[in-house]
PDB file of N, CA and C in Angstrom:
ATOM      1  N   UNK A   1      27.782  -0.584   7.707  1.00  0.00           N
ATOM      2  CA  UNK A   1      26.542  -0.291   7.023  1.00  0.00           C
ATOM      3  C   UNK A   1      26.130   1.139   7.393  1.00  0.00           C
ATOM      4  N   UNK A   2      25.720   1.884   6.432  1.00  0.00           N
ATOM      5  CA  UNK A   2      25.366   3.276   6.680  1.00  0.00           C
ATOM      6  C   UNK A   2      23.982   3.388   7.306  1.00  0.00           C
ATOM      7  N   UNK A   3      23.687   4.568   7.779  1.00  0.00           N
ATOM      8  CA  UNK A   3      22.392   4.821   8.396  1.00  0.00           C
ATOM      9  C   UNK A   3      21.261   4.683   7.369  1.00  0.00           C
ATOM     10  N   UNK A   4      21.504   5.159   6.146  1.00  0.00           N
ATOM     11  CA  UNK A   4      20.469   5.067   5.102  1.00  0.00           C
ATOM     12  C   UNK A   4      20.146   3.627   4.755  1.00  0.00           C
ATOM     13  N   UNK A   5      21.155   2.792   4.688  1.00  0.00           N
ATOM     14  CA  UNK A   5      20.907   1.379   4.383  1.00  0.00           C
ATOM     15  C   UNK A   5      20.101   0.727   5.502  1.00  0.00           C
ATOM     16  N   UNK A   6      20.448   1.034   6.743  1.00  0.00           N
ATOM     17  CA  UNK A   6      19.711   0.475   7.878  1.00  0.00           C
ATOM     18  C   UNK A   6      18.258   0.932   7.865  1.00  0.00           C
ATOM     19  N   UNK A   7      18.047   2.230   7.637  1.00  0.00           N
ATOM     20  CA  UNK A   7      16.678   2.751   7.592  1.00  0.00           C
ATOM     21  C   UNK A   7      15.884   2.168   6.424  1.00  0.00           C
ATOM     22  N   UNK A   8      16.532   2.016   5.287  1.00  0.00           N
ATOM     23  CA  UNK A   8      15.848   1.483   4.110  1.00  0.00           C
ATOM     24  C   UNK A   8      15.428   0.032   4.324  1.00  0.00           C
ATOM     25  N   UNK A   9      16.352  -0.786   4.827  1.00  0.00           N
ATOM     26  CA  UNK A   9      16.027  -2.194   5.039  1.00  0.00           C
ATOM     27  C   UNK A   9      15.020  -2.377   6.173  1.00  0.00           C
ATOM     28  N   UNK A  10      15.147  -1.592   7.231  1.00  0.00           N
ATOM     29  CA  UNK A  10      14.184  -1.676   8.337  1.00  0.00           C
ATOM     30  C   UNK A  10      12.800  -1.226   7.866  1.00  0.00           C
ATOM     31  N   UNK A  11      12.751  -0.187   7.054  1.00  0.00           N
ATOM     32  CA  UNK A  11      11.471   0.270   6.521  1.00  0.00           C
ATOM     33  C   UNK A  11      10.825  -0.744   5.604  1.00  0.00           C
ATOM     34  N   UNK A  12      11.645  -1.424   4.820  1.00  0.00           N
ATOM     35  CA  UNK A  12      11.123  -2.454   3.919  1.00  0.00           C
ATOM     36  C   UNK A  12      10.531  -3.621   4.703  1.00  0.00           C
ATOM     37  N   UNK A  13      11.235  -4.067   5.721  1.00  0.00           N
ATOM     38  CA  UNK A  13      10.726  -5.167   6.543  1.00  0.00           C
ATOM     39  C   UNK A  13       9.492  -4.729   7.326  1.00  0.00           C
ATOM     40  N   UNK A  14       9.506  -3.494   7.848  1.00  0.00           N
ATOM     41  CA  UNK A  14       8.360  -2.989   8.610  1.00  0.00           C
ATOM     42  C   UNK A  14       7.125  -2.864   7.721  1.00  0.00           C
ATOM     43  N   UNK A  15       7.314  -2.407   6.486  1.00  0.00           N
ATOM     44  CA  UNK A  15       6.188  -2.290   5.562  1.00  0.00           C
ATOM     45  C   UNK A  15       5.567  -3.655   5.276  1.00  0.00           C
ATOM     46  N   UNK A  16       6.406  -4.659   5.083  1.00  0.00           N
ATOM     47  CA  UNK A  16       5.888  -6.009   4.835  1.00  0.00           C
ATOM     48  C   UNK A  16       5.106  -6.528   6.037  1.00  0.00           C
ATOM     49  N   UNK A  17       5.617  -6.291   7.237  1.00  0.00           N
ATOM     50  CA  UNK A  17       4.928  -6.749   8.445  1.00  0.00           C
ATOM     51  C   UNK A  17       3.621  -5.995   8.642  1.00  0.00           C
ATOM     52  N   UNK A  18       3.643  -4.675   8.405  1.00  0.00           N
ATOM     53  CA  UNK A  18       2.410  -3.887   8.537  1.00  0.00           C
ATOM     54  C   UNK A  18       1.348  -4.325   7.536  1.00  0.00           C
ATOM     55  N   UNK A  19       1.760  -4.636   6.317  1.00  0.00           N
ATOM     56  CA  UNK A  19       0.795  -5.119   5.332  1.00  0.00           C
ATOM     57  C   UNK A  19       0.220  -6.475   5.728  1.00  0.00           C
ATOM     58  N   UNK A  20       1.056  -7.329   6.318  1.00  0.00           N
ATOM     59  CA  UNK A  20       0.545  -8.616   6.800  1.00  0.00           C
ATOM     60  C   UNK A  20      -0.453  -8.417   7.933  1.00  0.00           C
ATOM     61  N   UNK A  21      -0.170  -7.481   8.830  1.00  0.00           N
ATOM     62  CA  UNK A  21      -1.084  -7.235   9.943  1.00  0.00           C
ATOM     63  C   UNK A  21      -2.371  -6.572   9.471  1.00  0.00           C
ATOM     64  N   UNK A  22      -2.268  -5.668   8.516  1.00  0.00           N
ATOM     65  CA  UNK A  22      -3.444  -4.928   8.073  1.00  0.00           C
ATOM     66  C   UNK A  22      -4.370  -5.764   7.200  1.00  0.00           C
ATOM     67  N   UNK A  23      -3.804  -6.534   6.285  1.00  0.00           N
ATOM     68  CA  UNK A  23      -4.620  -7.259   5.321  1.00  0.00           C
ATOM     69  C   UNK A  23      -4.660  -8.760   5.541  1.00  0.00           C
ATOM     70  N   UNK A  24      -3.982  -9.228   6.565  1.00  0.00           N
ATOM     71  CA  UNK A  24      -3.898 -10.657   6.878  1.00  0.00           C
ATOM     72  C   UNK A  24      -3.195 -11.415   5.752  1.00  0.00           C
ATOM     73  N   UNK A  25      -2.878 -12.649   6.013  1.00  0.00           N
ATOM     74  CA  UNK A  25      -2.201 -13.473   5.021  1.00  0.00           C
ATOM     75  C   UNK A  25      -3.186 -13.850   3.913  1.00  0.00           C
ATOM     76  N   UNK A  26      -2.713 -13.805   2.713  1.00  0.00           N
ATOM     77  CA  UNK A  26      -3.516 -14.209   1.555  1.00  0.00           C
ATOM     78  C   UNK A  26      -3.392 -15.719   1.397  1.00  0.00           C
ATOM     79  N   UNK A  27      -3.892 -16.239   0.308  1.00  0.00           N
ATOM     80  CA  UNK A  27      -3.759 -17.675   0.073  1.00  0.00           C
ATOM     81  C   UNK A  27      -2.277 -18.027  -0.091  1.00  0.00           C
ATOM     82  N   UNK A  28      -1.950 -19.259   0.182  1.00  0.00           N
ATOM     83  CA  UNK A  28      -0.557 -19.662   0.289  1.00  0.00           C
ATOM     84  C   UNK A  28       0.228 -19.460  -0.995  1.00  0.00           C
ATOM     85  N   UNK A  29      -0.414 -19.579  -2.156  1.00  0.00           N
ATOM     86  CA  UNK A  29       0.346 -19.503  -3.414  1.00  0.00           C
ATOM     87  C   UNK A  29       0.870 -18.099  -3.684  1.00  0.00           C
ATOM     88  N   UNK A  30       0.236 -17.059  -3.147  1.00  0.00           N
ATOM     89  CA  UNK A  30       0.783 -15.703  -3.298  1.00  0.00           C
ATOM     90  C   UNK A  30       2.087 -15.563  -2.522  1.00  0.00           C
ATOM     91  N   UNK A  31       2.150 -16.173  -1.350  1.00  0.00           N
ATOM     92  CA  UNK A  31       3.352 -16.063  -0.524  1.00  0.00           C
ATOM     93  C   UNK A  31       4.490 -16.918  -1.078  1.00  0.00           C
ATOM     94  N   UNK A  32       4.160 -18.078  -1.603  1.00  0.00           N
ATOM     95  CA  UNK A  32       5.179 -18.897  -2.258  1.00  0.00           C
ATOM     96  C   UNK A  32       5.697 -18.185  -3.512  1.00  0.00           C
ATOM     97  N   UNK A  33       4.801 -17.575  -4.276  1.00  0.00           N
ATOM     98  CA  UNK A  33       5.214 -16.794  -5.448  1.00  0.00           C
ATOM     99  C   UNK A  33       6.112 -15.635  -5.071  1.00  0.00           C
ATOM    100  N   UNK A  34       5.845 -15.016  -3.937  1.00  0.00           N
ATOM    101  CA  UNK A  34       6.697 -13.929  -3.447  1.00  0.00           C
ATOM    102  C   UNK A  34       8.098 -14.431  -3.125  1.00  0.00           C
ATOM    103  N   UNK A  35       8.190 -15.604  -2.526  1.00  0.00           N
ATOM    104  CA  UNK A  35       9.510 -16.183  -2.225  1.00  0.00           C
ATOM    105  C   UNK A  35      10.260 -16.551  -3.501  1.00  0.00           C
ATOM    106  N   UNK A  36       9.546 -17.086  -4.486  1.00  0.00           N
ATOM    107  CA  UNK A  36      10.176 -17.427  -5.763  1.00  0.00           C
ATOM    108  C   UNK A  36      10.667 -16.165  -6.465  1.00  0.00           C
ATOM    109  N   UNK A  37       9.845 -15.126  -6.458  1.00  0.00           N
ATOM    110  CA  UNK A  37      10.238 -13.864  -7.086  1.00  0.00           C
ATOM    111  C   UNK A  37      11.438 -13.235  -6.380  1.00  0.00           C
ATOM    112  N   UNK A  38      11.466 -13.300  -5.051  1.00  0.00           N
ATOM    113  CA  UNK A  38      12.617 -12.780  -4.305  1.00  0.00           C
ATOM    114  C   UNK A  38      13.883 -13.538  -4.669  1.00  0.00           C
ATOM    115  N   UNK A  39      13.775 -14.849  -4.821  1.00  0.00           N
ATOM    116  CA  UNK A  39      14.931 -15.649  -5.209  1.00  0.00           C
ATOM    117  C   UNK A  39      15.396 -15.303  -6.614  1.00  0.00           C
ATOM    118  N   UNK A  40      14.452 -15.127  -7.529  1.00  0.00           N
ATOM    119  CA  UNK A  40      14.811 -14.758  -8.900  1.00  0.00           C
ATOM    120  C   UNK A  40      15.482 -13.388  -8.963  1.00  0.00           C
ATOM    121  N   UNK A  41      14.941 -12.416  -8.251  1.00  0.00           N
ATOM    122  CA  UNK A  41      15.542 -11.078  -8.254  1.00  0.00           C
ATOM    123  C   UNK A  41      16.935 -11.124  -7.647  1.00  0.00           C
ATOM    124  N   UNK A  42      17.119 -11.939  -6.622  1.00  0.00           N
ATOM    125  CA  UNK A  42      18.427 -12.027  -5.970  1.00  0.00           C
ATOM    126  C   UNK A  42      19.458 -12.733  -6.844  1.00  0.00           C
ATOM    127  N   UNK A  43      19.030 -13.695  -7.630  1.00  0.00           N
ATOM    128  CA  UNK A  43      19.977 -14.501  -8.406  1.00  0.00           C
ATOM    129  C   UNK A  43      20.280 -13.944  -9.791  1.00  0.00           C
ATOM    130  N   UNK A  44      19.337 -13.222 -10.368  1.00  0.00           N
ATOM    131  CA  UNK A  44      19.558 -12.712 -11.716  1.00  0.00           C
ATOM    132  C   UNK A  44      20.442 -11.472 -11.691  1.00  0.00           C
ATOM    133  N   UNK A  45      21.458 -11.452 -12.523  1.00  0.00           N
ATOM    134  CA  UNK A  45      22.316 -10.260 -12.557  1.00  0.00           C
ATOM    135  C   UNK A  45      21.622  -9.123 -13.301  1.00  0.00           C
ATOM    136  N   UNK A  46      21.886  -7.911 -12.891  1.00  0.00           N
ATOM    137  CA  UNK A  46      21.367  -6.756 -13.598  1.00  0.00           C
ATOM    138  C   UNK A  46      22.552  -5.944 -14.130  1.00  0.00           C
ATOM    139  N   UNK A  47      22.358  -5.277 -15.233  1.00  0.00           N
ATOM    140  CA  UNK A  47      23.485  -4.586 -15.865  1.00  0.00           C
ATOM    141  C   UNK A  47      24.002  -3.450 -14.998  1.00  0.00           C
ATOM    142  N   UNK A  48      25.304  -3.279 -14.992  1.00  0.00           N
ATOM    143  CA  UNK A  48      25.956  -2.239 -14.205  1.00  0.00           C
ATOM    144  C   UNK A  48      26.434  -1.109 -15.106  1.00  0.00           C
ATOM    145  N   UNK A  49      25.529  -0.558 -15.885  1.00  0.00           N
ATOM    146  CA  UNK A  49      25.902   0.543 -16.775  1.00  0.00           C
ATOM    147  C   UNK A  49      24.939   1.706 -16.572  1.00  0.00           C
ATOM    148  N   UNK A  50      25.379   2.882 -16.803  1.00  0.00           N
ATOM    149  CA  UNK A  50      24.535   4.067 -16.740  1.00  0.00           C
ATOM    150  C   UNK A  50      23.949   4.285 -15.362  1.00  0.00           C
ATOM    151  N   UNK A  51      22.635   4.429 -15.310  1.00  0.00           N
ATOM    152  CA  UNK A  51      21.956   4.701 -14.042  1.00  0.00           C
ATOM    153  C   UNK A  51      21.867   3.480 -13.132  1.00  0.00           C
ATOM    154  N   UNK A  52      22.080   2.302 -13.675  1.00  0.00           N
ATOM    155  CA  UNK A  52      21.982   1.080 -12.872  1.00  0.00           C
ATOM    156  C   UNK A  52      23.296   0.740 -12.187  1.00  0.00           C
ATOM    157  N   UNK A  53      24.158   1.718 -12.029  1.00  0.00           N
ATOM    158  CA  UNK A  53      25.448   1.484 -11.398  1.00  0.00           C
ATOM    159  C   UNK A  53      25.546   2.361 -10.166  1.00  0.00           C
ATOM    160  N   UNK A  54      25.608   1.759  -9.015  1.00  0.00           N
ATOM    161  CA  UNK A  54      25.776   2.546  -7.807  1.00  0.00           C
ATOM    162  C   UNK A  54      25.048   1.976  -6.618  1.00  0.00           C
ATOM    163  N   UNK A  55      25.278   2.585  -5.471  1.00  0.00           N
ATOM    164  CA  UNK A  55      24.680   2.061  -4.237  1.00  0.00           C
ATOM    165  C   UNK A  55      23.170   2.277  -4.152  1.00  0.00           C
ATOM    166  N   UNK A  56      22.630   3.274  -4.841  1.00  0.00           N
ATOM    167  CA  UNK A  56      21.184   3.500  -4.792  1.00  0.00           C
ATOM    168  C   UNK A  56      20.425   2.313  -5.392  1.00  0.00           C
ATOM    169  N   UNK A  57      20.912   1.793  -6.494  1.00  0.00           N
ATOM    170  CA  UNK A  57      20.269   0.632  -7.120  1.00  0.00           C
ATOM    171  C   UNK A  57      20.402  -0.589  -6.214  1.00  0.00           C
ATOM    172  N   UNK A  58      21.544  -0.730  -5.566  1.00  0.00           N
ATOM    173  CA  UNK A  58      21.722  -1.845  -4.632  1.00  0.00           C
ATOM    174  C   UNK A  58      20.734  -1.749  -3.470  1.00  0.00           C
ATOM    175  N   UNK A  59      20.496  -0.535  -2.966  1.00  0.00           N
ATOM    176  CA  UNK A  59      19.513  -0.356  -1.889  1.00  0.00           C
ATOM    177  C   UNK A  59      18.101  -0.696  -2.350  1.00  0.00           C
ATOM    178  N   UNK A  60      17.757  -0.270  -3.544  1.00  0.00           N
ATOM    179  CA  UNK A  60      16.412  -0.526  -4.060  1.00  0.00           C
ATOM    180  C   UNK A  60      16.194  -2.022  -4.279  1.00  0.00           C
ATOM    181  N   UNK A  61      17.148  -2.678  -4.916  1.00  0.00           N
ATOM    182  CA  UNK A  61      17.015  -4.118  -5.174  1.00  0.00           C
ATOM    183  C   UNK A  61      17.036  -4.902  -3.862  1.00  0.00           C
ATOM    184  N   UNK A  62      17.910  -4.522  -2.947  1.00  0.00           N
ATOM    185  CA  UNK A  62      17.966  -5.191  -1.644  1.00  0.00           C
ATOM    186  C   UNK A  62      16.686  -5.016  -0.845  1.00  0.00           C
ATOM    187  N   UNK A  63      16.120  -3.822  -0.901  1.00  0.00           N
ATOM    188  CA  UNK A  63      14.859  -3.574  -0.194  1.00  0.00           C
ATOM    189  C   UNK A  63      13.721  -4.388  -0.793  1.00  0.00           C
ATOM    190  N   UNK A  64      13.695  -4.485  -2.112  1.00  0.00           N
ATOM    191  CA  UNK A  64      12.673  -5.292  -2.771  1.00  0.00           C
ATOM    192  C   UNK A  64      12.790  -6.760  -2.379  1.00  0.00           C
ATOM    193  N   UNK A  65      14.006  -7.272  -2.371  1.00  0.00           N
ATOM    194  CA  UNK A  65      14.227  -8.672  -1.990  1.00  0.00           C
ATOM    195  C   UNK A  65      13.809  -8.901  -0.543  1.00  0.00           C
ATOM    196  N   UNK A  66      14.201  -7.999   0.352  1.00  0.00           N
ATOM    197  CA  UNK A  66      13.845  -8.161   1.764  1.00  0.00           C
ATOM    198  C   UNK A  66      12.340  -8.073   1.966  1.00  0.00           C
ATOM    199  N   UNK A  67      11.674  -7.140   1.287  1.00  0.00           N
ATOM    200  CA  UNK A  67      10.223  -7.021   1.387  1.00  0.00           C
ATOM    201  C   UNK A  67       9.537  -8.314   0.947  1.00  0.00           C
ATOM    202  N   UNK A  68       9.953  -8.842  -0.207  1.00  0.00           N
ATOM    203  CA  UNK A  68       9.330 -10.067  -0.721  1.00  0.00           C
ATOM    204  C   UNK A  68       9.590 -11.258   0.197  1.00  0.00           C
ATOM    205  N   UNK A  69      10.796 -11.347   0.759  1.00  0.00           N
ATOM    206  CA  UNK A  69      11.109 -12.447   1.671  1.00  0.00           C
ATOM    207  C   UNK A  69      10.292 -12.363   2.955  1.00  0.00           C
ATOM    208  N   UNK A  70      10.233 -11.188   3.560  1.00  0.00           N
ATOM    209  CA  UNK A  70       9.495 -11.045   4.820  1.00  0.00           C
ATOM    210  C   UNK A  70       8.012 -11.282   4.596  1.00  0.00           C
ATOM    211  N   UNK A  71       7.457 -10.713   3.517  1.00  0.00           N
ATOM    212  CA  UNK A  71       6.033 -10.899   3.248  1.00  0.00           C
ATOM    213  C   UNK A  71       5.725 -12.366   2.918  1.00  0.00           C
ATOM    214  N   UNK A  72       6.592 -12.996   2.129  1.00  0.00           N
ATOM    215  CA  UNK A  72       6.367 -14.393   1.762  1.00  0.00           C
ATOM    216  C   UNK A  72       6.471 -15.335   2.948  1.00  0.00           C
ATOM    217  N   UNK A  73       7.537 -15.186   3.733  1.00  0.00           N
ATOM    218  CA  UNK A  73       7.708 -16.059   4.902  1.00  0.00           C
ATOM    219  C   UNK A  73       6.675 -15.760   5.981  1.00  0.00           C
ATOM    220  N   UNK A  74       6.401 -14.488   6.197  1.00  0.00           N
ATOM    221  CA  UNK A  74       5.425 -14.126   7.221  1.00  0.00           C
ATOM    222  C   UNK A  74       4.037 -14.645   6.909  1.00  0.00           C
ATOM    223  N   UNK A  75       3.668 -14.627   5.649  1.00  0.00           N
ATOM    224  CA  UNK A  75       2.355 -15.134   5.266  1.00  0.00           C
ATOM    225  C   UNK A  75       2.239 -16.635   5.415  1.00  0.00           C
ATOM    226  N   UNK A  76       3.353 -17.335   5.223  1.00  0.00           N
ATOM    227  CA  UNK A  76       3.315 -18.792   5.365  1.00  0.00           C
ATOM    228  C   UNK A  76       3.419 -19.227   6.818  1.00  0.00           C
ATOM    229  N   UNK A  77       4.231 -18.532   7.591  1.00  0.00           N
ATOM    230  CA  UNK A  77       4.441 -18.926   8.985  1.00  0.00           C
ATOM    231  C   UNK A  77       3.250 -18.521   9.857  1.00  0.00           C
ATOM    232  N   UNK A  78       2.748 -17.313   9.660  1.00  0.00           N
ATOM    233  CA  UNK A  78       1.676 -16.808  10.513  1.00  0.00           C
ATOM    234  C   UNK A  78       0.326 -16.865   9.827  1.00  0.00           C
ATOM    235  N   UNK A  79       0.144 -17.889   9.012  1.00  0.00           N
ATOM    236  CA  UNK A  79      -1.120 -18.065   8.321  1.00  0.00           C
ATOM    237  C   UNK A  79      -2.201 -18.419   9.331  1.00  0.00           C
ATOM    238  N   UNK A  80      -3.312 -17.712   9.284  1.00  0.00           N
ATOM    239  CA  UNK A  80      -4.369 -18.011  10.263  1.00  0.00           C
ATOM    240  C   UNK A  80      -4.957 -19.398  10.019  1.00  0.00           C
ATOM    241  N   UNK A  81      -5.174 -20.069  11.087  1.00  0.00           N
ATOM    242  CA  UNK A  81      -5.773 -21.394  10.981  1.00  0.00           C
ATOM    243  C   UNK A  81      -7.270 -21.227  10.760  1.00  0.00           C
ATOM    244  N   UNK A  82      -7.772 -21.925   9.765  1.00  0.00           N
ATOM    245  CA  UNK A  82      -9.202 -21.859   9.511  1.00  0.00           C
ATOM    246  C   UNK A  82      -9.938 -22.533  10.659  1.00  0.00           C
ATOM    247  N   UNK A  83     -10.891 -21.845  11.179  1.00  0.00           N
ATOM    248  CA  UNK A  83     -11.638 -22.399  12.295  1.00  0.00           C
ATOM    249  C   UNK A  83     -12.964 -22.929  11.775  1.00  0.00           C
ATOM    250  N   UNK A  84     -13.070 -24.204  11.822  1.00  0.00           N
ATOM    251  CA  UNK A  84     -14.309 -24.842  11.395  1.00  0.00           C
ATOM    252  C   UNK A  84     -15.139 -25.107  12.655  1.00  0.00           C
ATOM    253  N   UNK A  85     -16.344 -24.602  12.622  1.00  0.00           N
ATOM    254  CA  UNK A  85     -17.226 -24.823  13.772  1.00  0.00           C
ATOM    255  C   UNK A  85     -17.657 -26.282  13.821  1.00  0.00           C
ATOM    256  N   UNK A  86     -17.479 -26.879  14.970  1.00  0.00           N
ATOM    257  CA  UNK A  86     -17.915 -28.259  15.122  1.00  0.00           C
ATOM    258  C   UNK A  86     -19.373 -28.254  15.592  1.00  0.00           C
ATOM    259  N   UNK A  87     -20.160 -28.925  14.841  1.00  0.00           N
ATOM    260  CA  UNK A  87     -21.575 -28.978  15.204  1.00  0.00           C
ATOM    261  C   UNK A  87     -21.821 -30.170  16.111  1.00  0.00           C
ATOM    262  N   UNK A  88     -22.611 -29.909  17.110  1.00  0.00           N
ATOM    263  CA  UNK A  88     -22.966 -30.999  18.037  1.00  0.00           C
ATOM    264  C   UNK A  88     -24.216 -31.682  17.526  1.00  0.00           C
ATOM    265  N   UNK A  89     -24.153 -32.956  17.527  1.00  0.00           N
ATOM    266  CA  UNK A  89     -25.307 -33.725  17.090  1.00  0.00           C
ATOM    267  C   UNK A  89     -26.137 -34.100  18.286  1.00  0.00           C
ATOM    268  N   UNK A  90     -27.401 -34.238  18.032  1.00  0.00           N
ATOM    269  CA  UNK A  90     -28.323 -34.545  19.132  1.00  0.00           C
ATOM    270  C   UNK A  90     -28.176 -35.931  19.652  1.00  0.00           C
TER     271      UNK A  90
END
């Protein structure tokens, strides 16, 4: 794996983690939708003609998939627990 691929994938994962830390996890359906979208992007073939042929497109698509996976899983796994205040009765 080249240095550019490592930097690109590490940056994609780091960006997803930083966004989770900065904005906290959203509601669960956004993170599930992110996982579904990552699966769709990974499974659907894209045409290999013209500008869509080469390692640059593979890096971009791979980074997008990794970003969506990390953000989706991170939001579901590290979802903050709602803290309900327990009221004491007299």
